[in-house]
PDB file of N, CA and C in Angstrom:
ATOM      1  N   MET A   1     227.763 158.192  15.843  1.00  0.00           N
ATOM      2  CA  MET A   1     227.958 159.301  16.739  1.00  0.00           C
ATOM      3  C   MET A   1     228.927 160.276  16.080  1.00  0.00           C
ATOM      4  N   PHE A   2     228.619 161.545  16.162  1.00  0.00           N
ATOM      5  CA  PHE A   2     229.464 162.614  15.647  1.00  0.00           C
ATOM      6  C   PHE A   2     229.904 163.463  16.837  1.00  0.00           C
ATOM      7  N   ILE A   3     231.204 163.618  17.001  1.00  0.00           N
ATOM      8  CA  ILE A   3     231.733 164.417  18.111  1.00  0.00           C
ATOM      9  C   ILE A   3     232.221 165.747  17.561  1.00  0.00           C
ATOM     10  N   ARG A   4     231.652 166.822  18.061  1.00  0.00           N
ATOM     11  CA  ARG A   4     232.024 168.165  17.609  1.00  0.00           C
ATOM     12  C   ARG A   4     233.313 168.623  18.293  1.00  0.00           C
ATOM     13  N   PRO A   5     233.995 169.618  17.706  1.00  0.00           N
ATOM     14  CA  PRO A   5     235.243 170.117  18.306  1.00  0.00           C
ATOM     15  C   PRO A   5     235.097 170.583  19.755  1.00  0.00           C
ATOM     16  N   ASN A   6     233.912 171.060  20.125  1.00  0.00           N
ATOM     17  CA  ASN A   6     233.709 171.522  21.500  1.00  0.00           C
ATOM     18  C   ASN A   6     233.383 170.385  22.468  1.00  0.00           C
ATOM     19  N   GLY A   7     233.390 169.132  21.965  1.00  0.00           N
ATOM     20  CA  GLY A   7     233.141 167.972  22.807  1.00  0.00           C
ATOM     21  C   GLY A   7     231.697 167.491  22.816  1.00  0.00           C
ATOM     22  N   GLU A   8     230.765 168.289  22.281  1.00  0.00           N
ATOM     23  CA  GLU A   8     229.369 167.849  22.211  1.00  0.00           C
ATOM     24  C   GLU A   8     229.248 166.688  21.239  1.00  0.00           C
ATOM     25  N   THR A   9     228.296 165.805  21.506  1.00  0.00           N
ATOM     26  CA  THR A   9     228.085 164.663  20.622  1.00  0.00           C
ATOM     27  C   THR A   9     226.674 164.679  20.051  1.00  0.00           C
ATOM     28  N   ASP A  10     226.551 164.180  18.852  1.00  0.00           N
ATOM     29  CA  ASP A  10     225.258 163.978  18.198  1.00  0.00           C
ATOM     30  C   ASP A  10     225.166 162.512  17.818  1.00  0.00           C
ATOM     31  N   VAL A  11     224.044 161.892  18.112  1.00  0.00           N
ATOM     32  CA  VAL A  11     223.804 160.520  17.687  1.00  0.00           C
ATOM     33  C   VAL A  11     222.999 160.604  16.404  1.00  0.00           C
ATOM     34  N   LEU A  12     223.529 160.002  15.341  1.00  0.00           N
ATOM     35  CA  LEU A  12     222.850 159.999  14.051  1.00  0.00           C
ATOM     36  C   LEU A  12     222.158 158.661  13.854  1.00  0.00           C
ATOM     37  N   ARG A  13     220.911 158.708  13.404  1.00  0.00           N
ATOM     38  CA  ARG A  13     220.153 157.498  13.110  1.00  0.00           C
ATOM     39  C   ARG A  13     219.738 157.557  11.640  1.00  0.00           C
ATOM     40  N   THR A  14     219.923 156.431  10.935  1.00  0.00           N
ATOM     41  CA  THR A  14     219.559 156.425   9.523  1.00  0.00           C
ATOM     42  C   THR A  14     218.051 156.555   9.371  1.00  0.00           C
ATOM     43  N   ILE A  15     217.642 157.327   8.363  1.00  0.00           N
ATOM     44  CA  ILE A  15     216.213 157.502   8.097  1.00  0.00           C
ATOM     45  C   ILE A  15     215.870 157.123   6.659  1.00  0.00           C
ATOM     46  N   SER A  16     216.877 156.635   5.922  1.00  0.00           N
ATOM     47  CA  SER A  16     216.614 156.169   4.560  1.00  0.00           C
ATOM     48  C   SER A  16     217.439 154.915   4.305  1.00  0.00           C
ATOM     49  N   ASP A  17     217.004 154.145   3.343  1.00  0.00           N
ATOM     50  CA  ASP A  17     217.798 153.000   2.914  1.00  0.00           C
ATOM     51  C   ASP A  17     218.994 153.507   2.123  1.00  0.00           C
ATOM     52  N   ALA A  18     220.054 152.730   2.093  1.00  0.00           N
ATOM     53  CA  ALA A  18     221.214 153.083   1.277  1.00  0.00           C
ATOM     54  C   ALA A  18     220.821 153.002  -0.194  1.00  0.00           C
ATOM     55  N   GLU A  19     221.151 154.032  -0.937  1.00  0.00           N
ATOM     56  CA  GLU A  19     220.855 154.077  -2.364  1.00  0.00           C
ATOM     57  C   GLU A  19     222.164 154.065  -3.137  1.00  0.00           C
ATOM     58  N   ASP A  20     222.241 153.223  -4.176  1.00  0.00           N
ATOM     59  CA  ASP A  20     223.391 153.211  -5.061  1.00  0.00           C
ATOM     60  C   ASP A  20     223.181 154.257  -6.147  1.00  0.00           C
ATOM     61  N   GLY A  21     224.256 154.868  -6.589  1.00  0.00           N
ATOM     62  CA  GLY A  21     224.142 155.848  -7.653  1.00  0.00           C
ATOM     63  C   GLY A  21     225.477 156.122  -8.308  1.00  0.00           C
ATOM     64  N   LYS A  22     225.444 156.984  -9.308  1.00  0.00           N
ATOM     65  CA  LYS A  22     226.645 157.446  -9.994  1.00  0.00           C
ATOM     66  C   LYS A  22     226.540 158.960 -10.142  1.00  0.00           C
ATOM     67  N   ASN A  23     227.693 159.626 -10.006  1.00  0.00           N
ATOM     68  CA  ASN A  23     227.688 161.071 -10.206  1.00  0.00           C
ATOM     69  C   ASN A  23     227.847 161.379 -11.693  1.00  0.00           C
ATOM     70  N   GLU A  24     227.942 162.664 -12.037  1.00  0.00           N
ATOM     71  CA  GLU A  24     228.020 163.073 -13.439  1.00  0.00           C
ATOM     72  C   GLU A  24     229.294 162.576 -14.131  1.00  0.00           C
ATOM     73  N   LYS A  25     230.303 162.198 -13.352  1.00  0.00           N
ATOM     74  CA  LYS A  25     231.543 161.660 -13.928  1.00  0.00           C
ATOM     75  C   LYS A  25     231.519 160.138 -14.012  1.00  0.00           C
ATOM     76  N   GLY A  26     230.416 159.514 -13.598  1.00  0.00           N
ATOM     77  CA  GLY A  26     230.277 158.070 -13.657  1.00  0.00           C
ATOM     78  C   GLY A  26     230.851 157.326 -12.467  1.00  0.00           C
ATOM     79  N   GLU A  27     231.234 158.049 -11.410  1.00  0.00           N
ATOM     80  CA  GLU A  27     231.814 157.412 -10.223  1.00  0.00           C
ATOM     81  C   GLU A  27     230.695 156.897  -9.317  1.00  0.00           C
ATOM     82  N   GLU A  28     230.820 155.636  -8.905  1.00  0.00           N
ATOM     83  CA  GLU A  28     229.784 154.985  -8.108  1.00  0.00           C
ATOM     84  C   GLU A  28     229.858 155.409  -6.650  1.00  0.00           C
ATOM     85  N   PHE A  29     228.668 155.485  -6.024  1.00  0.00           N
ATOM     86  CA  PHE A  29     228.603 155.844  -4.611  1.00  0.00           C
ATOM     87  C   PHE A  29     227.379 155.211  -3.976  1.00  0.00           C
ATOM     88  N   GLN A  30     227.363 155.230  -2.639  1.00  0.00           N
ATOM     89  CA  GLN A  30     226.176 154.893  -1.856  1.00  0.00           C
ATOM     90  C   GLN A  30     225.809 156.123  -1.041  1.00  0.00           C
ATOM     91  N   PHE A  31     224.513 156.374  -0.918  1.00  0.00           N
ATOM     92  CA  PHE A  31     224.000 157.559  -0.252  1.00  0.00           C
ATOM     93  C   PHE A  31     222.994 157.141   0.811  1.00  0.00           C
ATOM     94  N   VAL A  32     223.073 157.771   1.978  1.00  0.00           N
ATOM     95  CA  VAL A  32     222.091 157.523   3.035  1.00  0.00           C
ATOM     96  C   VAL A  32     221.861 158.832   3.785  1.00  0.00           C
ATOM     97  N   GLU A  33     220.650 159.032   4.269  1.00  0.00           N
ATOM     98  CA  GLU A  33     220.351 160.189   5.097  1.00  0.00           C
ATOM     99  C   GLU A  33     220.211 159.745   6.543  1.00  0.00           C
ATOM    100  N   ALA A  34     220.646 160.604   7.447  1.00  0.00           N
ATOM    101  CA  ALA A  34     220.571 160.324   8.878  1.00  0.00           C
ATOM    102  C   ALA A  34     220.019 161.548   9.588  1.00  0.00           C
ATOM    103  N   GLN A  35     219.429 161.325  10.753  1.00  0.00           N
ATOM    104  CA  GLN A  35     218.829 162.409  11.534  1.00  0.00           C
ATOM    105  C   GLN A  35     219.412 162.382  12.940  1.00  0.00           C
ATOM    106  N   ASP A  36     219.743 163.571  13.464  1.00  0.00           N
ATOM    107  CA  ASP A  36     220.256 163.624  14.829  1.00  0.00           C
ATOM    108  C   ASP A  36     219.108 163.799  15.808  1.00  0.00           C
ATOM    109  N   GLU A  37     219.427 163.877  17.093  1.00  0.00           N
ATOM    110  CA  GLU A  37     218.401 163.951  18.136  1.00  0.00           C
ATOM    111  C   GLU A  37     217.577 165.233  18.061  1.00  0.00           C
ATOM    112  N   ALA A  38     218.135 166.299  17.454  1.00  0.00           N
ATOM    113  CA  ALA A  38     217.413 167.568  17.320  1.00  0.00           C
ATOM    114  C   ALA A  38     216.555 167.619  16.065  1.00  0.00           C
ATOM    115  N   GLY A  39     216.638 166.571  15.238  1.00  0.00           N
ATOM    116  CA  GLY A  39     215.837 166.527  14.018  1.00  0.00           C
ATOM    117  C   GLY A  39     216.552 167.030  12.776  1.00  0.00           C
ATOM    118  N   ASN A  40     217.816 167.421  12.895  1.00  0.00           N
ATOM    119  CA  ASN A  40     218.583 167.875  11.737  1.00  0.00           C
ATOM    120  C   ASN A  40     218.935 166.682  10.859  1.00  0.00           C
ATOM    121  N   ILE A  41     218.763 166.835   9.556  1.00  0.00           N
ATOM    122  CA  ILE A  41     219.032 165.760   8.613  1.00  0.00           C
ATOM    123  C   ILE A  41     220.397 165.968   7.978  1.00  0.00           C
ATOM    124  N   SER A  42     221.177 164.902   7.939  1.00  0.00           N
ATOM    125  CA  SER A  42     222.521 164.921   7.362  1.00  0.00           C
ATOM    126  C   SER A  42     222.596 163.903   6.245  1.00  0.00           C
ATOM    127  N   SER A  43     223.513 164.129   5.307  1.00  0.00           N
ATOM    128  CA  SER A  43     223.742 163.198   4.204  1.00  0.00           C
ATOM    129  C   SER A  43     225.102 162.548   4.378  1.00  0.00           C
ATOM    130  N   ILE A  44     225.164 161.264   4.074  1.00  0.00           N
ATOM    131  CA  ILE A  44     226.424 160.523   4.100  1.00  0.00           C
ATOM    132  C   ILE A  44     226.575 159.874   2.735  1.00  0.00           C
ATOM    133  N   VAL A  45     227.687 160.187   2.061  1.00  0.00           N
ATOM    134  CA  VAL A  45     227.940 159.653   0.726  1.00  0.00           C
ATOM    135  C   VAL A  45     229.281 158.927   0.752  1.00  0.00           C
ATOM    136  N   LEU A  46     229.275 157.660   0.368  1.00  0.00           N
ATOM    137  CA  LEU A  46     230.483 156.845   0.346  1.00  0.00           C
ATOM    138  C   LEU A  46     230.778 156.469  -1.106  1.00  0.00           C
ATOM    139  N   PHE A  47     231.911 156.969  -1.625  1.00  0.00           N
ATOM    140  CA  PHE A  47     232.294 156.682  -3.001  1.00  0.00           C
ATOM    141  C   PHE A  47     233.163 155.432  -3.063  1.00  0.00           C
ATOM    142  N   SER A  48     233.058 154.675  -4.160  1.00  0.00           N
ATOM    143  CA  SER A  48     233.897 153.503  -4.380  1.00  0.00           C
ATOM    144  C   SER A  48     235.342 153.913  -4.622  1.00  0.00           C
ATOM    145  N   ASN A  49     235.559 155.080  -5.192  1.00  0.00           N
ATOM    146  CA  ASN A  49     236.893 155.593  -5.487  1.00  0.00           C
ATOM    147  C   ASN A  49     237.509 156.155  -4.204  1.00  0.00           C
ATOM    148  N   PRO A  50     238.610 155.556  -3.689  1.00  0.00           N
ATOM    149  CA  PRO A  50     239.196 156.034  -2.435  1.00  0.00           C
ATOM    150  C   PRO A  50     239.746 157.457  -2.517  1.00  0.00           C
ATOM    151  N   LYS A  51     239.974 157.970  -3.736  1.00  0.00           N
ATOM    152  CA  LYS A  51     240.461 159.345  -3.868  1.00  0.00           C
ATOM    153  C   LYS A  51     239.342 160.358  -3.635  1.00  0.00           C
ATOM    154  N   ILE A  52     238.094 159.897  -3.701  1.00  0.00           N
ATOM    155  CA  ILE A  52     236.952 160.738  -3.330  1.00  0.00           C
ATOM    156  C   ILE A  52     236.553 160.408  -1.899  1.00  0.00           C
ATOM    157  N   GLY A  53     236.436 159.111  -1.592  1.00  0.00           N
ATOM    158  CA  GLY A  53     236.216 158.643  -0.232  1.00  0.00           C
ATOM    159  C   GLY A  53     234.829 158.866   0.321  1.00  0.00           C
ATOM    160  N   LEU A  54     234.784 159.307   1.555  1.00  0.00           N
ATOM    161  CA  LEU A  54     233.548 159.495   2.308  1.00  0.00           C
ATOM    162  C   LEU A  54     233.268 160.983   2.454  1.00  0.00           C
ATOM    163  N   ILE A  55     232.038 161.395   2.160  1.00  0.00           N
ATOM    164  CA  ILE A  55     231.635 162.791   2.308  1.00  0.00           C
ATOM    165  C   ILE A  55     230.480 162.854   3.298  1.00  0.00           C
ATOM    166  N   LEU A  56     230.632 163.641   4.344  1.00  0.00           N
ATOM    167  CA  LEU A  56     229.564 163.888   5.312  1.00  0.00           C
ATOM    168  C   LEU A  56     229.077 165.317   5.122  1.00  0.00           C
ATOM    169  N   LYS A  57     227.770 165.489   4.987  1.00  0.00           N
ATOM    170  CA  LYS A  57     227.184 166.824   4.916  1.00  0.00           C
ATOM    171  C   LYS A  57     226.319 166.996   6.150  1.00  0.00           C
ATOM    172  N   LEU A  58     226.801 167.805   7.093  1.00  0.00           N
ATOM    173  CA  LEU A  58     226.129 168.038   8.361  1.00  0.00           C
ATOM    174  C   LEU A  58     225.793 169.514   8.470  1.00  0.00           C
ATOM    175  N   GLU A  59     224.505 169.812   8.495  1.00  0.00           N
ATOM    176  CA  GLU A  59     224.042 171.197   8.571  1.00  0.00           C
ATOM    177  C   GLU A  59     224.731 172.005   7.473  1.00  0.00           C
ATOM    178  N   ASN A  60     225.514 173.017   7.815  1.00  0.00           N
ATOM    179  CA  ASN A  60     226.175 173.837   6.796  1.00  0.00           C
ATOM    180  C   ASN A  60     227.644 173.453   6.639  1.00  0.00           C
ATOM    181  N   LEU A  61     227.995 172.227   7.002  1.00  0.00           N
ATOM    182  CA  LEU A  61     229.370 171.764   7.016  1.00  0.00           C
ATOM    183  C   LEU A  61     229.514 170.561   6.091  1.00  0.00           C
ATOM    184  N   LYS A  62     230.609 170.517   5.326  1.00  0.00           N
ATOM    185  CA  LYS A  62     230.906 169.370   4.464  1.00  0.00           C
ATOM    186  C   LYS A  62     232.288 168.870   4.848  1.00  0.00           C
ATOM    187  N   ILE A  63     232.380 167.570   5.186  1.00  0.00           N
ATOM    188  CA  ILE A  63     233.641 166.956   5.575  1.00  0.00           C
ATOM    189  C   ILE A  63     233.910 165.817   4.608  1.00  0.00           C
ATOM    190  N   GLN A  64     235.139 165.783   4.065  1.00  0.00           N
ATOM    191  CA  GLN A  64     235.496 164.733   3.127  1.00  0.00           C
ATOM    192  C   GLN A  64     236.730 163.994   3.633  1.00  0.00           C
ATOM    193  N   PHE A  65     236.645 162.666   3.666  1.00  0.00           N
ATOM    194  CA  PHE A  65     237.761 161.809   4.015  1.00  0.00           C
ATOM    195  C   PHE A  65     238.167 161.068   2.745  1.00  0.00           C
ATOM    196  N   ALA A  66     239.410 161.237   2.315  1.00  0.00           N
ATOM    197  CA  ALA A  66     239.858 160.610   1.085  1.00  0.00           C
ATOM    198  C   ALA A  66     241.310 160.179   1.203  1.00  0.00           C
ATOM    199  N   TYR A  67     241.692 159.283   0.319  1.00  0.00           N
ATOM    200  CA  TYR A  67     243.079 158.805   0.264  1.00  0.00           C
ATOM    201  C   TYR A  67     243.765 159.536  -0.887  1.00  0.00           C
ATOM    202  N   PHE A  68     244.863 160.214  -0.602  1.00  0.00           N
ATOM    203  CA  PHE A  68     245.601 160.941  -1.647  1.00  0.00           C
ATOM    204  C   PHE A  68     246.934 160.320  -1.879  1.00  0.00           C
TER     205      PHE A  68
END
């Protein structure tokens, strides 16, 4: 579930299997796509490196959670 600043909620359902990968710098990650109730597709990327952390790409928004 994703809660927007205005209080609206979106329920995300996975539509792909988790895929392992590496970026151009060789950092490992897992990638999955999810779809909300309106049919919008979002990407969720979880990096093994806590300094990169979790990246959510929702519509035209990118949110990154990392440990600094």
